[in-house]
Amino acid sequence: MPLTLTMAAGEDFYVGDQRFQIEEVFLTEGFTLRGPDGHVYNVDAKKSVDITPTVKVSDGHRVLVGKARVVFNAPRSVPILRGDLYREQR
C-alpha cells in the first residue's frame, strides 16, 4: 500500500535529506512540486512522476479543496517525512 500525504501549497516533505515543496494545488486535479534542485514537477492522477531514481509520486483522489493528496511509490527503505516532522528530528 502506498504512502499518501495530504498537503497544501507551501507545505513540504523530505525524501531522505532532499526537500520537496508543494507549489500550487489545482482546483480539481493535480499539483506542482518544486524539487531540491529547483526543478518543477507537474503531477496528476494519470501517471506517476519520478522525483528521485527510486521514488515516484502521483495525485490521489481529492478529498479536500485546496489540498493535494501526494501518493508515493517508494521502497520501504527510503525515508519520507513531512517537513515539520523532519525538522523536529534535527
N, C-alpha and C. Protein backbone atom coordinates (compact mmCIF):
# COMPACT_ATOMS: atom_id res chain seq x y z
N MET A 1 0.84 -1.18 0.00
CA MET A 1 0.00 0.00 0.00
C MET A 1 0.90 1.25 0.00
N PRO A 2 0.64 2.20 -0.89
CA PRO A 2 1.49 3.39 -0.97
C PRO A 2 1.25 4.35 0.19
N LEU A 3 2.25 5.17 0.47
CA LEU A 3 2.13 6.24 1.45
C LEU A 3 1.40 7.39 0.79
N THR A 4 0.45 8.01 1.51
CA THR A 4 -0.29 9.16 1.00
C THR A 4 -0.24 10.27 2.04
N LEU A 5 0.17 11.47 1.61
CA LEU A 5 0.17 12.64 2.48
C LEU A 5 -0.77 13.69 1.87
N THR A 6 -1.60 14.31 2.70
CA THR A 6 -2.48 15.38 2.26
C THR A 6 -1.79 16.69 2.62
N MET A 7 -1.53 17.53 1.61
CA MET A 7 -0.72 18.72 1.81
C MET A 7 -1.29 19.91 1.04
N ALA A 8 -1.07 21.10 1.58
CA ALA A 8 -1.49 22.35 0.94
C ALA A 8 -0.28 23.01 0.27
N ALA A 9 -0.55 23.98 -0.59
CA ALA A 9 0.53 24.75 -1.21
C ALA A 9 1.38 25.38 -0.12
N GLY A 10 2.70 25.32 -0.31
CA GLY A 10 3.65 25.87 0.65
C GLY A 10 4.18 24.84 1.63
N GLU A 11 3.48 23.73 1.78
CA GLU A 11 3.96 22.67 2.68
C GLU A 11 5.03 21.85 1.98
N ASP A 12 5.85 21.17 2.78
CA ASP A 12 6.96 20.43 2.20
C ASP A 12 7.09 19.04 2.81
N PHE A 13 7.89 18.23 2.14
CA PHE A 13 8.23 16.89 2.64
C PHE A 13 9.66 16.59 2.23
N TYR A 14 10.22 15.59 2.87
CA TYR A 14 11.60 15.18 2.59
C TYR A 14 11.62 13.73 2.15
N VAL A 15 12.42 13.47 1.13
CA VAL A 15 12.76 12.12 0.72
C VAL A 15 14.23 11.97 1.07
N GLY A 16 14.51 11.21 2.13
CA GLY A 16 15.87 11.24 2.68
C GLY A 16 16.14 12.65 3.17
N ASP A 17 17.20 13.27 2.68
CA ASP A 17 17.52 14.65 3.05
C ASP A 17 17.19 15.65 1.95
N GLN A 18 16.44 15.20 0.94
CA GLN A 18 16.07 16.09 -0.17
C GLN A 18 14.69 16.70 0.10
N ARG A 19 14.62 18.03 0.05
CA ARG A 19 13.37 18.74 0.33
C ARG A 19 12.58 18.98 -0.95
N PHE A 20 11.26 18.72 -0.86
CA PHE A 20 10.33 18.98 -1.94
C PHE A 20 9.19 19.82 -1.37
N GLN A 21 8.73 20.81 -2.15
CA GLN A 21 7.67 21.70 -1.66
C GLN A 21 6.52 21.74 -2.65
N ILE A 22 5.30 21.68 -2.12
CA ILE A 22 4.10 21.83 -2.95
C ILE A 22 4.02 23.29 -3.37
N GLU A 23 4.04 23.56 -4.65
CA GLU A 23 3.99 24.94 -5.16
C GLU A 23 2.56 25.42 -5.36
N GLU A 24 1.77 24.63 -6.06
CA GLU A 24 0.40 25.03 -6.38
C GLU A 24 -0.48 23.79 -6.42
N VAL A 25 -1.68 23.91 -5.88
CA VAL A 25 -2.66 22.83 -5.93
C VAL A 25 -3.79 23.29 -6.84
N PHE A 26 -4.05 22.53 -7.89
CA PHE A 26 -5.09 22.90 -8.83
C PHE A 26 -6.47 22.50 -8.31
N LEU A 27 -7.50 23.17 -8.75
CA LEU A 27 -8.83 23.03 -8.18
C LEU A 27 -9.35 21.59 -8.17
N THR A 28 -9.32 20.92 -9.30
CA THR A 28 -9.94 19.60 -9.36
C THR A 28 -8.94 18.44 -9.37
N GLU A 29 -7.77 18.66 -9.93
CA GLU A 29 -6.80 17.56 -10.02
C GLU A 29 -5.42 18.12 -10.29
N GLY A 30 -4.43 17.54 -9.63
CA GLY A 30 -3.04 17.84 -9.91
C GLY A 30 -2.45 18.93 -9.02
N PHE A 31 -1.13 18.98 -9.04
CA PHE A 31 -0.38 19.98 -8.29
C PHE A 31 1.01 20.10 -8.89
N THR A 32 1.70 21.16 -8.53
CA THR A 32 3.10 21.30 -8.93
C THR A 32 3.96 21.17 -7.68
N LEU A 33 5.14 20.63 -7.89
CA LEU A 33 6.05 20.29 -6.82
C LEU A 33 7.43 20.78 -7.19
N ARG A 34 8.10 21.52 -6.29
CA ARG A 34 9.45 22.01 -6.56
C ARG A 34 10.44 21.12 -5.83
N GLY A 35 11.43 20.62 -6.59
CA GLY A 35 12.45 19.74 -6.03
C GLY A 35 13.63 20.50 -5.47
N PRO A 36 14.57 19.80 -4.86
CA PRO A 36 15.72 20.43 -4.22
C PRO A 36 16.63 21.17 -5.21
N ASP A 37 16.60 20.79 -6.47
CA ASP A 37 17.42 21.44 -7.49
C ASP A 37 16.68 22.57 -8.19
N GLY A 38 15.45 22.88 -7.72
CA GLY A 38 14.65 23.93 -8.32
C GLY A 38 13.74 23.45 -9.44
N HIS A 39 13.89 22.20 -9.85
CA HIS A 39 13.05 21.65 -10.92
C HIS A 39 11.59 21.59 -10.45
N VAL A 40 10.66 21.96 -11.33
CA VAL A 40 9.24 21.91 -11.01
C VAL A 40 8.62 20.71 -11.72
N TYR A 41 7.94 19.89 -10.94
CA TYR A 41 7.26 18.69 -11.46
C TYR A 41 5.77 18.97 -11.53
N ASN A 42 5.16 18.64 -12.65
CA ASN A 42 3.70 18.71 -12.80
C ASN A 42 3.15 17.32 -12.51
N VAL A 43 2.36 17.20 -11.46
CA VAL A 43 1.88 15.90 -11.00
C VAL A 43 0.37 15.82 -11.17
N ASP A 44 -0.10 14.70 -11.70
CA ASP A 44 -1.55 14.47 -11.78
C ASP A 44 -1.84 13.00 -11.49
N ALA A 45 -3.10 12.63 -11.58
CA ALA A 45 -3.50 11.26 -11.25
C ALA A 45 -3.31 10.29 -12.40
N LYS A 46 -3.04 10.79 -13.59
CA LYS A 46 -2.98 9.92 -14.75
C LYS A 46 -1.70 9.11 -14.87
N LYS A 47 -0.59 9.65 -14.32
CA LYS A 47 0.67 8.91 -14.39
C LYS A 47 1.59 9.33 -13.24
N SER A 48 2.47 8.43 -12.86
CA SER A 48 3.43 8.72 -11.81
C SER A 48 4.59 9.54 -12.37
N VAL A 49 5.18 10.38 -11.51
CA VAL A 49 6.31 11.22 -11.88
C VAL A 49 7.51 10.80 -11.02
N ASP A 50 8.65 10.53 -11.66
CA ASP A 50 9.86 10.19 -10.92
C ASP A 50 10.44 11.46 -10.31
N ILE A 51 10.56 11.49 -8.96
CA ILE A 51 11.19 12.65 -8.32
C ILE A 51 12.59 12.31 -7.82
N THR A 52 12.89 11.04 -7.67
CA THR A 52 14.24 10.54 -7.41
C THR A 52 14.34 9.24 -8.20
N PRO A 53 15.53 8.65 -8.26
CA PRO A 53 15.64 7.38 -9.00
C PRO A 53 14.77 6.25 -8.45
N THR A 54 14.40 6.31 -7.16
CA THR A 54 13.61 5.22 -6.57
C THR A 54 12.22 5.63 -6.11
N VAL A 55 11.87 6.92 -6.22
CA VAL A 55 10.58 7.40 -5.70
C VAL A 55 9.76 8.05 -6.81
N LYS A 56 8.50 7.61 -6.89
CA LYS A 56 7.53 8.20 -7.83
C LYS A 56 6.38 8.78 -7.03
N VAL A 57 5.80 9.87 -7.54
CA VAL A 57 4.61 10.44 -6.90
C VAL A 57 3.50 10.61 -7.93
N SER A 58 2.28 10.59 -7.43
CA SER A 58 1.12 10.90 -8.26
C SER A 58 0.10 11.61 -7.38
N ASP A 59 -0.97 12.11 -7.98
CA ASP A 59 -2.02 12.81 -7.26
C ASP A 59 -3.14 11.83 -6.98
N GLY A 60 -3.48 11.68 -5.70
CA GLY A 60 -4.57 10.80 -5.33
C GLY A 60 -5.92 11.49 -5.41
N HIS A 61 -6.95 10.75 -5.11
CA HIS A 61 -8.32 11.26 -5.15
C HIS A 61 -8.46 12.47 -4.22
N ARG A 62 -8.94 13.57 -4.74
CA ARG A 62 -9.06 14.82 -3.99
C ARG A 62 -10.20 14.72 -2.99
N VAL A 63 -9.89 14.88 -1.72
CA VAL A 63 -10.89 14.85 -0.66
C VAL A 63 -11.24 16.26 -0.19
N LEU A 64 -10.23 17.13 -0.10
CA LEU A 64 -10.43 18.50 0.35
C LEU A 64 -10.00 19.48 -0.73
N VAL A 65 -10.81 20.48 -1.00
CA VAL A 65 -10.45 21.51 -1.97
C VAL A 65 -9.24 22.27 -1.42
N GLY A 66 -8.26 22.49 -2.28
CA GLY A 66 -7.06 23.22 -1.88
C GLY A 66 -5.98 22.36 -1.27
N LYS A 67 -6.22 21.06 -1.17
CA LYS A 67 -5.23 20.14 -0.62
C LYS A 67 -4.89 19.07 -1.65
N ALA A 68 -3.61 18.82 -1.83
CA ALA A 68 -3.16 17.75 -2.72
C ALA A 68 -3.03 16.47 -1.91
N ARG A 69 -3.34 15.35 -2.52
CA ARG A 69 -3.05 14.05 -1.91
C ARG A 69 -1.86 13.49 -2.66
N VAL A 70 -0.71 13.56 -2.04
CA VAL A 70 0.54 13.11 -2.65
C VAL A 70 0.69 11.62 -2.37
N VAL A 71 0.66 10.82 -3.44
CA VAL A 71 0.77 9.38 -3.31
C VAL A 71 2.18 8.97 -3.72
N PHE A 72 2.88 8.29 -2.81
CA PHE A 72 4.27 7.89 -3.02
C PHE A 72 4.35 6.41 -3.34
N ASN A 73 5.16 6.10 -4.34
CA ASN A 73 5.51 4.72 -4.65
C ASN A 73 7.02 4.66 -4.45
N ALA A 74 7.45 4.02 -3.35
CA ALA A 74 8.86 4.02 -2.98
C ALA A 74 9.17 2.76 -2.18
N PRO A 75 10.43 2.34 -2.19
CA PRO A 75 10.82 1.22 -1.33
C PRO A 75 10.67 1.61 0.14
N ARG A 76 10.37 0.64 0.98
CA ARG A 76 10.23 0.91 2.42
C ARG A 76 11.52 1.45 3.03
N SER A 77 12.63 1.18 2.42
CA SER A 77 13.92 1.61 2.96
C SER A 77 14.18 3.11 2.76
N VAL A 78 13.36 3.78 1.95
CA VAL A 78 13.54 5.21 1.68
C VAL A 78 12.69 6.01 2.66
N PRO A 79 13.32 6.83 3.53
CA PRO A 79 12.54 7.61 4.48
C PRO A 79 11.84 8.79 3.80
N ILE A 80 10.54 8.92 4.06
CA ILE A 80 9.74 10.03 3.54
C ILE A 80 9.02 10.64 4.74
N LEU A 81 9.27 11.92 4.99
CA LEU A 81 8.69 12.61 6.14
C LEU A 81 8.11 13.96 5.75
N ARG A 82 7.01 14.34 6.39
CA ARG A 82 6.53 15.72 6.25
C ARG A 82 7.61 16.64 6.78
N GLY A 83 7.66 17.86 6.25
CA GLY A 83 8.70 18.81 6.64
C GLY A 83 8.75 19.09 8.12
N ASP A 84 7.58 19.25 8.76
CA ASP A 84 7.58 19.55 10.19
C ASP A 84 8.19 18.42 11.01
N LEU A 85 7.92 17.18 10.64
CA LEU A 85 8.49 16.03 11.36
C LEU A 85 10.00 15.91 11.10
N TYR A 86 10.40 16.19 9.88
CA TYR A 86 11.83 16.14 9.54
C TYR A 86 12.59 17.16 10.38
N ARG A 87 12.05 18.37 10.48
CA ARG A 87 12.74 19.43 11.24
C ARG A 87 12.76 19.14 12.73
N GLU A 88 11.74 18.48 13.26
CA GLU A 88 11.71 18.08 14.67
C GLU A 88 12.85 17.13 15.00
N GLN A 89 13.19 16.28 14.05
CA GLN A 89 14.24 15.28 14.28
C GLN A 89 15.64 15.87 14.21
N ARG A 90 15.78 17.07 13.68
CA ARG A 90 17.09 17.69 13.53
C ARG A 90 17.52 18.41 14.76
